[in-house]
Amino acid sequence: MFDHSYFLNGVFDLIDGLLNLYLIVVIARVVISWVSPDPYNRIVQILCALTDPPLNALRRVIPRLFWSTGLDFTPLILTMIILIIRRFLQSIHL
């Protein structure tokens, strides 16, 4: 007999692992942005390709009031969203 609880636990663990990996990618993108990276470097291109879509979506939503400071808070907000999703999944995972 198939036990659905093991399957759901596996799915939740997989999603949690992917979110954790994506969090590491976002942090790597932030750290690389502190130096002037070569835009033709393959690693930089991969990091930008993985993180630009959600960051650009957040930049459209965040008011432009924060942009006058010259600081980009969207990676911080994306990190908080990822952590909230992980916490929610852990709460229903049991």
N, C-alpha and C. Protein backbone atom coordinates (compact mmCIF):
# COMPACT_ATOMS: atom_id res chain seq x y z
N MET A 1 0.84 -1.17 0.00
CA MET A 1 0.00 0.00 0.00
C MET A 1 0.89 1.24 0.00
N PHE A 2 0.46 2.24 -0.74
CA PHE A 2 1.24 3.47 -0.88
C PHE A 2 0.90 4.42 0.26
N ASP A 3 1.93 4.86 0.97
CA ASP A 3 1.73 5.79 2.08
C ASP A 3 2.02 7.21 1.59
N HIS A 4 0.99 8.04 1.55
CA HIS A 4 1.11 9.39 1.01
C HIS A 4 1.96 10.30 1.90
N SER A 5 2.04 9.99 3.18
CA SER A 5 2.80 10.87 4.07
C SER A 5 4.29 10.86 3.73
N TYR A 6 4.83 9.68 3.36
CA TYR A 6 6.24 9.63 2.97
C TYR A 6 6.49 10.40 1.68
N PHE A 7 5.55 10.29 0.75
CA PHE A 7 5.67 11.01 -0.51
C PHE A 7 5.64 12.53 -0.27
N LEU A 8 4.69 12.99 0.55
CA LEU A 8 4.60 14.42 0.84
C LEU A 8 5.81 14.92 1.61
N ASN A 9 6.31 14.12 2.53
CA ASN A 9 7.54 14.50 3.25
C ASN A 9 8.71 14.64 2.27
N GLY A 10 8.80 13.74 1.31
CA GLY A 10 9.85 13.83 0.31
C GLY A 10 9.71 15.07 -0.56
N VAL A 11 8.47 15.40 -0.94
CA VAL A 11 8.23 16.60 -1.76
C VAL A 11 8.59 17.85 -0.96
N PHE A 12 8.16 17.91 0.30
CA PHE A 12 8.49 19.07 1.13
C PHE A 12 10.00 19.21 1.33
N ASP A 13 10.68 18.08 1.54
CA ASP A 13 12.13 18.13 1.70
C ASP A 13 12.82 18.58 0.42
N LEU A 14 12.32 18.14 -0.72
CA LEU A 14 12.88 18.55 -2.00
C LEU A 14 12.70 20.06 -2.22
N ILE A 15 11.50 20.56 -1.97
CA ILE A 15 11.23 21.99 -2.13
C ILE A 15 12.09 22.80 -1.15
N ASP A 16 12.22 22.34 0.07
CA ASP A 16 13.04 23.02 1.06
C ASP A 16 14.50 23.05 0.63
N GLY A 17 14.98 21.95 0.09
CA GLY A 17 16.36 21.90 -0.39
C GLY A 17 16.59 22.84 -1.57
N LEU A 18 15.64 22.89 -2.48
CA LEU A 18 15.76 23.79 -3.63
C LEU A 18 15.71 25.26 -3.19
N LEU A 19 14.85 25.57 -2.23
CA LEU A 19 14.80 26.93 -1.72
C LEU A 19 16.10 27.30 -1.01
N ASN A 20 16.67 26.35 -0.29
CA ASN A 20 17.94 26.59 0.39
C ASN A 20 19.06 26.81 -0.64
N LEU A 21 19.07 26.03 -1.70
CA LEU A 21 20.06 26.20 -2.76
C LEU A 21 19.89 27.56 -3.45
N TYR A 22 18.64 27.96 -3.69
CA TYR A 22 18.39 29.25 -4.32
C TYR A 22 18.80 30.40 -3.41
N LEU A 23 18.64 30.22 -2.13
CA LEU A 23 19.08 31.23 -1.16
C LEU A 23 20.60 31.41 -1.25
N ILE A 24 21.33 30.32 -1.40
CA ILE A 24 22.77 30.39 -1.56
C ILE A 24 23.13 31.12 -2.86
N VAL A 25 22.37 30.88 -3.92
CA VAL A 25 22.62 31.55 -5.20
C VAL A 25 22.40 33.05 -5.06
N VAL A 26 21.34 33.46 -4.36
CA VAL A 26 21.07 34.89 -4.16
C VAL A 26 22.19 35.53 -3.35
N ILE A 27 22.66 34.85 -2.32
CA ILE A 27 23.76 35.39 -1.51
C ILE A 27 25.03 35.48 -2.34
N ALA A 28 25.30 34.49 -3.19
CA ALA A 28 26.48 34.55 -4.05
C ALA A 28 26.38 35.71 -5.03
N ARG A 29 25.18 35.96 -5.53
CA ARG A 29 24.98 37.10 -6.44
C ARG A 29 25.27 38.42 -5.73
N VAL A 30 24.83 38.54 -4.50
CA VAL A 30 25.08 39.76 -3.74
C VAL A 30 26.57 39.94 -3.50
N VAL A 31 27.25 38.88 -3.10
CA VAL A 31 28.69 38.98 -2.82
C VAL A 31 29.46 39.32 -4.09
N ILE A 32 29.09 38.73 -5.20
CA ILE A 32 29.78 39.01 -6.46
C ILE A 32 29.51 40.45 -6.91
N SER A 33 28.35 40.99 -6.57
CA SER A 33 28.04 42.37 -6.99
C SER A 33 28.87 43.40 -6.23
N TRP A 34 29.51 43.01 -5.14
CA TRP A 34 30.34 43.95 -4.38
C TRP A 34 31.64 44.26 -5.13
N VAL A 35 32.11 43.33 -5.92
CA VAL A 35 33.29 43.57 -6.76
C VAL A 35 32.79 43.85 -8.16
N SER A 36 33.65 44.27 -9.03
CA SER A 36 33.16 44.51 -10.39
C SER A 36 33.40 43.24 -11.21
N PRO A 37 32.38 42.41 -11.32
CA PRO A 37 32.55 41.12 -12.00
C PRO A 37 32.62 41.30 -13.52
N ASP A 38 33.28 40.37 -14.14
CA ASP A 38 33.33 40.34 -15.60
C ASP A 38 31.98 39.84 -16.11
N PRO A 39 31.24 40.66 -16.86
CA PRO A 39 29.91 40.23 -17.30
C PRO A 39 29.95 39.06 -18.29
N TYR A 40 31.11 38.76 -18.83
CA TYR A 40 31.23 37.65 -19.77
C TYR A 40 31.65 36.36 -19.08
N ASN A 41 31.90 36.41 -17.79
CA ASN A 41 32.23 35.21 -17.03
C ASN A 41 30.99 34.32 -16.97
N ARG A 42 31.17 33.04 -17.20
CA ARG A 42 30.04 32.10 -17.28
C ARG A 42 29.32 32.00 -15.93
N ILE A 43 30.06 32.00 -14.83
CA ILE A 43 29.44 31.90 -13.51
C ILE A 43 28.59 33.13 -13.22
N VAL A 44 29.10 34.30 -13.57
CA VAL A 44 28.34 35.53 -13.37
C VAL A 44 27.08 35.52 -14.22
N GLN A 45 27.18 35.04 -15.45
CA GLN A 45 26.01 34.96 -16.32
C GLN A 45 24.96 34.01 -15.77
N ILE A 46 25.40 32.88 -15.22
CA ILE A 46 24.45 31.92 -14.64
C ILE A 46 23.77 32.52 -13.41
N LEU A 47 24.55 33.17 -12.54
CA LEU A 47 23.97 33.78 -11.34
C LEU A 47 22.96 34.87 -11.73
N CYS A 48 23.31 35.67 -12.71
CA CYS A 48 22.39 36.73 -13.16
C CYS A 48 21.14 36.14 -13.79
N ALA A 49 21.30 35.09 -14.58
CA ALA A 49 20.14 34.47 -15.22
C ALA A 49 19.19 33.85 -14.19
N LEU A 50 19.75 33.32 -13.10
CA LEU A 50 18.92 32.69 -12.08
C LEU A 50 18.25 33.71 -11.15
N THR A 51 18.90 34.84 -10.92
CA THR A 51 18.37 35.77 -9.92
C THR A 51 17.71 37.01 -10.50
N ASP A 52 17.99 37.35 -11.75
CA ASP A 52 17.42 38.58 -12.32
C ASP A 52 15.89 38.57 -12.42
N PRO A 53 15.24 37.49 -12.85
CA PRO A 53 13.77 37.57 -12.97
C PRO A 53 13.05 37.92 -11.67
N PRO A 54 13.32 37.22 -10.54
CA PRO A 54 12.60 37.63 -9.32
C PRO A 54 13.05 38.99 -8.79
N LEU A 55 14.33 39.32 -8.95
CA LEU A 55 14.80 40.62 -8.47
C LEU A 55 14.18 41.75 -9.29
N ASN A 56 14.07 41.57 -10.60
CA ASN A 56 13.44 42.60 -11.43
C ASN A 56 11.96 42.75 -11.11
N ALA A 57 11.30 41.64 -10.81
CA ALA A 57 9.89 41.72 -10.42
C ALA A 57 9.73 42.49 -9.11
N LEU A 58 10.62 42.25 -8.17
CA LEU A 58 10.57 42.99 -6.91
C LEU A 58 10.90 44.46 -7.11
N ARG A 59 11.81 44.75 -8.02
CA ARG A 59 12.16 46.15 -8.28
C ARG A 59 10.98 46.92 -8.87
N ARG A 60 10.12 46.22 -9.61
CA ARG A 60 8.92 46.88 -10.14
C ARG A 60 7.90 47.14 -9.05
N VAL A 61 7.90 46.31 -8.01
CA VAL A 61 6.91 46.43 -6.94
C VAL A 61 7.36 47.42 -5.87
N ILE A 62 8.65 47.40 -5.54
CA ILE A 62 9.19 48.25 -4.47
C ILE A 62 9.08 49.71 -4.91
N PRO A 63 8.63 50.57 -4.04
CA PRO A 63 8.55 51.99 -4.42
C PRO A 63 9.93 52.57 -4.72
N ARG A 64 9.96 53.52 -5.61
CA ARG A 64 11.23 54.12 -6.01
C ARG A 64 11.82 55.01 -4.94
N LEU A 65 11.14 55.18 -3.84
CA LEU A 65 11.63 55.98 -2.74
C LEU A 65 12.96 55.42 -2.22
N PHE A 66 13.06 54.09 -2.17
CA PHE A 66 14.27 53.45 -1.66
C PHE A 66 15.42 53.52 -2.65
N TRP A 67 15.14 53.78 -3.92
CA TRP A 67 16.19 53.78 -4.92
C TRP A 67 17.05 55.03 -4.83
N SER A 68 16.57 56.09 -4.20
CA SER A 68 17.35 57.33 -4.13
C SER A 68 18.59 57.18 -3.24
N THR A 69 18.62 56.17 -2.38
CA THR A 69 19.76 55.96 -1.51
C THR A 69 20.92 55.29 -2.23
N GLY A 70 20.66 54.69 -3.37
CA GLY A 70 21.71 53.99 -4.10
C GLY A 70 21.90 52.56 -3.63
N LEU A 71 21.13 52.15 -2.64
CA LEU A 71 21.21 50.78 -2.14
C LEU A 71 20.07 49.96 -2.73
N ASP A 72 20.37 48.74 -3.09
CA ASP A 72 19.36 47.84 -3.65
C ASP A 72 18.95 46.86 -2.55
N PHE A 73 17.72 47.02 -2.06
CA PHE A 73 17.22 46.17 -0.99
C PHE A 73 16.48 44.94 -1.50
N THR A 74 16.37 44.80 -2.82
CA THR A 74 15.60 43.68 -3.35
C THR A 74 16.20 42.31 -3.01
N PRO A 75 17.53 42.12 -2.98
CA PRO A 75 18.03 40.80 -2.56
C PRO A 75 17.66 40.48 -1.10
N LEU A 76 17.65 41.50 -0.25
CA LEU A 76 17.26 41.29 1.14
C LEU A 76 15.78 40.89 1.23
N ILE A 77 14.95 41.55 0.45
CA ILE A 77 13.52 41.23 0.46
C ILE A 77 13.29 39.84 -0.12
N LEU A 78 14.01 39.49 -1.19
CA LEU A 78 13.90 38.15 -1.77
C LEU A 78 14.35 37.10 -0.76
N THR A 79 15.41 37.37 -0.03
CA THR A 79 15.87 36.45 1.01
C THR A 79 14.81 36.26 2.08
N MET A 80 14.18 37.36 2.49
CA MET A 80 13.12 37.25 3.50
C MET A 80 11.93 36.45 2.97
N ILE A 81 11.58 36.63 1.72
CA ILE A 81 10.47 35.87 1.12
C ILE A 81 10.80 34.39 1.10
N ILE A 82 12.03 34.06 0.71
CA ILE A 82 12.44 32.65 0.69
C ILE A 82 12.39 32.05 2.09
N LEU A 83 12.87 32.78 3.08
CA LEU A 83 12.85 32.27 4.46
C LEU A 83 11.43 32.11 4.98
N ILE A 84 10.53 33.01 4.61
CA ILE A 84 9.13 32.89 5.02
C ILE A 84 8.49 31.67 4.38
N ILE A 85 8.78 31.43 3.10
CA ILE A 85 8.23 30.25 2.43
C ILE A 85 8.77 28.98 3.07
N ARG A 86 10.08 28.96 3.37
CA ARG A 86 10.66 27.79 4.03
C ARG A 86 10.02 27.55 5.39
N ARG A 87 9.82 28.62 6.16
CA ARG A 87 9.21 28.49 7.49
C ARG A 87 7.78 27.96 7.36
N PHE A 88 7.04 28.46 6.37
CA PHE A 88 5.67 27.98 6.15
C PHE A 88 5.66 26.50 5.79
N LEU A 89 6.56 26.09 4.90
CA LEU A 89 6.61 24.68 4.52
C LEU A 89 7.01 23.80 5.70
N GLN A 90 7.91 24.30 6.54
CA GLN A 90 8.30 23.52 7.71
C GLN A 90 7.16 23.42 8.72
N SER A 91 6.30 24.44 8.78
CA SER A 91 5.19 24.39 9.73
C SER A 91 4.11 23.40 9.28
N ILE A 92 3.92 23.25 7.96
CA ILE A 92 2.90 22.29 7.51
C ILE A 92 3.50 20.91 7.27
N HIS A 93 4.83 20.82 7.29
CA HIS A 93 5.53 19.55 7.05
C HIS A 93 5.28 18.56 8.18
N LEU A 94 5.36 19.00 9.40
CA LEU A 94 5.22 18.15 10.58
C LEU A 94 6.03 16.94 10.41
